[in-house]
Amino acid sequence: MNYLKQSNMITKIRNIKATVQQVLTLEPKTRDNDRLLMFKIWAIQNPELKIDSYSLWHFAQDFIRGRYADPESIRRNRQILQARHVRLQGPTYGHRQKAGIETTEQIKFE
């Protein structure tokens, strides 16, 4: 991977992280709802999403072309930020962590 491409990737990751942190801070309902968090971030990236005439077809084309942050990147950044900053955790954070540990333990023995 060349330096310029790597630099762009790092910048993109930092921008996604900053945007996720901003949305988690300003929109508490997104702290326990990844779908809402993703939509809010995508609406920041493309304000046209809020316009009725912007079709699913347009969204799909833009999504495929990479105009929007990757859903997994948004989820991972939310997970990291919430682990580091208690103020960004939602009401179900503890329950989700416990459920994740239990699921991991169950999978080990199957």
C-alpha atoms as a PDB file:
ATOM      1  CA  MET A   1       0.000   0.000   0.000  1.00  0.00           C
ATOM      2  CA  ASN A   2       1.505   3.335  -0.963  1.00  0.00           C
ATOM      3  CA  TYR A   3       1.897   6.160   1.552  1.00  0.00           C
ATOM      4  CA  LEU A   4      -0.778   8.434   0.044  1.00  0.00           C
ATOM      5  CA  LYS A   5      -3.389   5.679   0.046  1.00  0.00           C
ATOM      6  CA  GLN A   6      -2.489   4.721   3.624  1.00  0.00           C
ATOM      7  CA  SER A   7      -2.625   8.378   4.697  1.00  0.00           C
ATOM      8  CA  ASN A   8      -6.091   8.799   3.156  1.00  0.00           C
ATOM      9  CA  MET A   9      -7.296   5.654   4.929  1.00  0.00           C
ATOM     10  CA  ILE A  10      -6.014   6.897   8.298  1.00  0.00           C
ATOM     11  CA  THR A  11      -7.649  10.301   7.747  1.00  0.00           C
ATOM     12  CA  LYS A  12     -10.940   8.615   6.840  1.00  0.00           C
ATOM     13  CA  ILE A  13     -10.810   6.441   9.984  1.00  0.00           C
ATOM     14  CA  ARG A  14     -10.105   9.480  12.177  1.00  0.00           C
ATOM     15  CA  ASN A  15     -12.982  11.385  10.570  1.00  0.00           C
ATOM     16  CA  ILE A  16     -15.386   8.499  11.159  1.00  0.00           C
ATOM     17  CA  LYS A  17     -14.270   8.216  14.778  1.00  0.00           C
ATOM     18  CA  ALA A  18     -14.757  11.954  15.350  1.00  0.00           C
ATOM     19  CA  THR A  19     -18.189  11.865  13.716  1.00  0.00           C
ATOM     20  CA  VAL A  20     -19.262   8.830  15.762  1.00  0.00           C
ATOM     21  CA  GLN A  21     -18.140  10.567  18.959  1.00  0.00           C
ATOM     22  CA  GLN A  22     -19.998  13.740  18.001  1.00  0.00           C
ATOM     23  CA  VAL A  23     -23.238  11.877  17.275  1.00  0.00           C
ATOM     24  CA  LEU A  24     -22.998   9.745  20.435  1.00  0.00           C
ATOM     25  CA  THR A  25     -22.501  12.929  22.458  1.00  0.00           C
ATOM     26  CA  LEU A  26     -25.327  14.932  20.877  1.00  0.00           C
ATOM     27  CA  GLU A  27     -27.840  12.125  20.235  1.00  0.00           C
ATOM     28  CA  PRO A  28     -28.149   9.863  23.323  1.00  0.00           C
ATOM     29  CA  LYS A  29     -30.609   7.512  21.591  1.00  0.00           C
ATOM     30  CA  THR A  30     -27.799   6.441  19.243  1.00  0.00           C
ATOM     31  CA  ARG A  31     -25.791   5.005  22.142  1.00  0.00           C
ATOM     32  CA  ASP A  32     -27.851   1.800  22.130  1.00  0.00           C
ATOM     33  CA  ASN A  33     -29.038   1.781  18.512  1.00  0.00           C
ATOM     34  CA  ASP A  34     -26.420   1.156  15.819  1.00  0.00           C
ATOM     35  CA  ARG A  35     -28.940   1.540  13.005  1.00  0.00           C
ATOM     36  CA  LEU A  36     -29.940   5.002  14.208  1.00  0.00           C
ATOM     37  CA  LEU A  37     -26.265   5.880  14.720  1.00  0.00           C
ATOM     38  CA  MET A  38     -25.452   4.802  11.159  1.00  0.00           C
ATOM     39  CA  PHE A  39     -28.316   6.784   9.680  1.00  0.00           C
ATOM     40  CA  LYS A  40     -27.350   9.920  11.620  1.00  0.00           C
ATOM     41  CA  ILE A  41     -23.749   9.617  10.420  1.00  0.00           C
ATOM     42  CA  TRP A  42     -24.798   8.998   6.830  1.00  0.00           C
ATOM     43  CA  ALA A  43     -27.132  12.015   7.019  1.00  0.00           C
ATOM     44  CA  ILE A  44     -24.149  14.127   8.074  1.00  0.00           C
ATOM     45  CA  GLN A  45     -22.155  12.737   5.163  1.00  0.00           C
ATOM     46  CA  ASN A  46     -25.032  13.386   2.761  1.00  0.00           C
ATOM     47  CA  PRO A  47     -27.729  15.854   3.867  1.00  0.00           C
ATOM     48  CA  GLU A  48     -29.782  14.855   0.779  1.00  0.00           C
ATOM     49  CA  LEU A  49     -30.857  11.748   2.722  1.00  0.00           C
ATOM     50  CA  LYS A  50     -33.308  13.992   4.580  1.00  0.00           C
ATOM     51  CA  ILE A  51     -35.040  15.014   1.338  1.00  0.00           C
ATOM     52  CA  ASP A  52     -38.101  12.987   0.338  1.00  0.00           C
ATOM     53  CA  SER A  53     -37.072  12.887  -3.320  1.00  0.00           C
ATOM     54  CA  TYR A  54     -33.774  11.134  -2.512  1.00  0.00           C
ATOM     55  CA  SER A  55     -34.623   7.561  -3.440  1.00  0.00           C
ATOM     56  CA  LEU A  56     -33.449   4.237  -2.116  1.00  0.00           C
ATOM     57  CA  TRP A  57     -31.891   3.710  -5.545  1.00  0.00           C
ATOM     58  CA  HIS A  58     -29.748   6.839  -5.139  1.00  0.00           C
ATOM     59  CA  PHE A  59     -28.769   5.768  -1.635  1.00  0.00           C
ATOM     60  CA  ALA A  60     -27.835   2.285  -2.845  1.00  0.00           C
ATOM     61  CA  GLN A  61     -25.709   3.631  -5.691  1.00  0.00           C
ATOM     62  CA  ASP A  62     -23.894   6.046  -3.376  1.00  0.00           C
ATOM     63  CA  PHE A  63     -23.444   3.349  -0.734  1.00  0.00           C
ATOM     64  CA  ILE A  64     -21.957   0.916  -3.249  1.00  0.00           C
ATOM     65  CA  ARG A  65     -19.583   3.630  -4.487  1.00  0.00           C
ATOM     66  CA  GLY A  66     -18.336   4.174  -0.938  1.00  0.00           C
ATOM     67  CA  ARG A  67     -19.833   7.605  -0.301  1.00  0.00           C
ATOM     68  CA  TYR A  68     -20.915   6.532   3.171  1.00  0.00           C
ATOM     69  CA  ALA A  69     -18.928   5.273   6.140  1.00  0.00           C
ATOM     70  CA  ASP A  70     -18.813   1.498   6.346  1.00  0.00           C
ATOM     71  CA  PRO A  71     -21.398   0.167   8.847  1.00  0.00           C
ATOM     72  CA  GLU A  72     -18.795  -2.035  10.518  1.00  0.00           C
ATOM     73  CA  SER A  73     -16.432   0.931  10.963  1.00  0.00           C
ATOM     74  CA  ILE A  74     -19.212   2.887  12.626  1.00  0.00           C
ATOM     75  CA  ARG A  75     -20.040  -0.031  14.931  1.00  0.00           C
ATOM     76  CA  ARG A  76     -16.401  -0.672  15.837  1.00  0.00           C
ATOM     77  CA  ASN A  77     -15.770   2.998  16.583  1.00  0.00           C
ATOM     78  CA  ARG A  78     -18.908   3.154  18.752  1.00  0.00           C
ATOM     79  CA  GLN A  79     -17.730   0.081  20.638  1.00  0.00           C
ATOM     80  CA  ILE A  80     -14.221   1.500  21.230  1.00  0.00           C
ATOM     81  CA  LEU A  81     -15.489   4.928  22.238  1.00  0.00           C
ATOM     82  CA  GLN A  82     -18.023   3.483  24.673  1.00  0.00           C
ATOM     83  CA  ALA A  83     -15.386   1.241  26.255  1.00  0.00           C
ATOM     84  CA  ARG A  84     -13.159   4.279  26.830  1.00  0.00           C
ATOM     85  CA  HIS A  85     -15.763   6.903  27.750  1.00  0.00           C
ATOM     86  CA  VAL A  86     -18.501   6.042  30.245  1.00  0.00           C
ATOM     87  CA  ARG A  87     -20.429   9.201  29.300  1.00  0.00           C
ATOM     88  CA  LEU A  88     -20.990   7.748  25.795  1.00  0.00           C
ATOM     89  CA  GLN A  89     -22.475   4.490  27.081  1.00  0.00           C
ATOM     90  CA  GLY A  90     -26.198   3.976  26.799  1.00  0.00           C
ATOM     91  CA  PRO A  91     -28.513   2.389  29.380  1.00  0.00           C
ATOM     92  CA  THR A  92     -28.071  -1.121  27.936  1.00  0.00           C
ATOM     93  CA  TYR A  93     -24.252  -1.002  27.661  1.00  0.00           C
ATOM     94  CA  GLY A  94     -23.620  -3.260  30.669  1.00  0.00           C
ATOM     95  CA  HIS A  95     -26.232  -5.768  29.544  1.00  0.00           C
ATOM     96  CA  ARG A  96     -24.739  -5.920  26.030  1.00  0.00           C
ATOM     97  CA  GLN A  97     -21.262  -6.530  27.463  1.00  0.00           C
ATOM     98  CA  LYS A  98     -22.522  -9.340  29.697  1.00  0.00           C
ATOM     99  CA  ALA A  99     -24.474 -10.924  26.835  1.00  0.00           C
ATOM    100  CA  GLY A 100     -21.379 -10.780  24.625  1.00  0.00           C
ATOM    101  CA  ILE A 101     -19.265 -12.577  27.225  1.00  0.00           C
ATOM    102  CA  GLU A 102     -21.955 -15.239  27.709  1.00  0.00           C
ATOM    103  CA  THR A 103     -22.233 -15.787  23.952  1.00  0.00           C
ATOM    104  CA  THR A 104     -18.451 -16.131  23.633  1.00  0.00           C
ATOM    105  CA  GLU A 105     -18.417 -18.708  26.422  1.00  0.00           C
ATOM    106  CA  GLN A 106     -21.231 -20.704  24.778  1.00  0.00           C
ATOM    107  CA  ILE A 107     -19.474 -20.727  21.413  1.00  0.00           C
ATOM    108  CA  LYS A 108     -16.252 -22.041  23.001  1.00  0.00           C
ATOM    109  CA  PHE A 109     -18.012 -25.203  24.108  1.00  0.00           C
ATOM    110  CA  GLU A 110     -19.912 -25.949  20.904  1.00  0.00           C
END
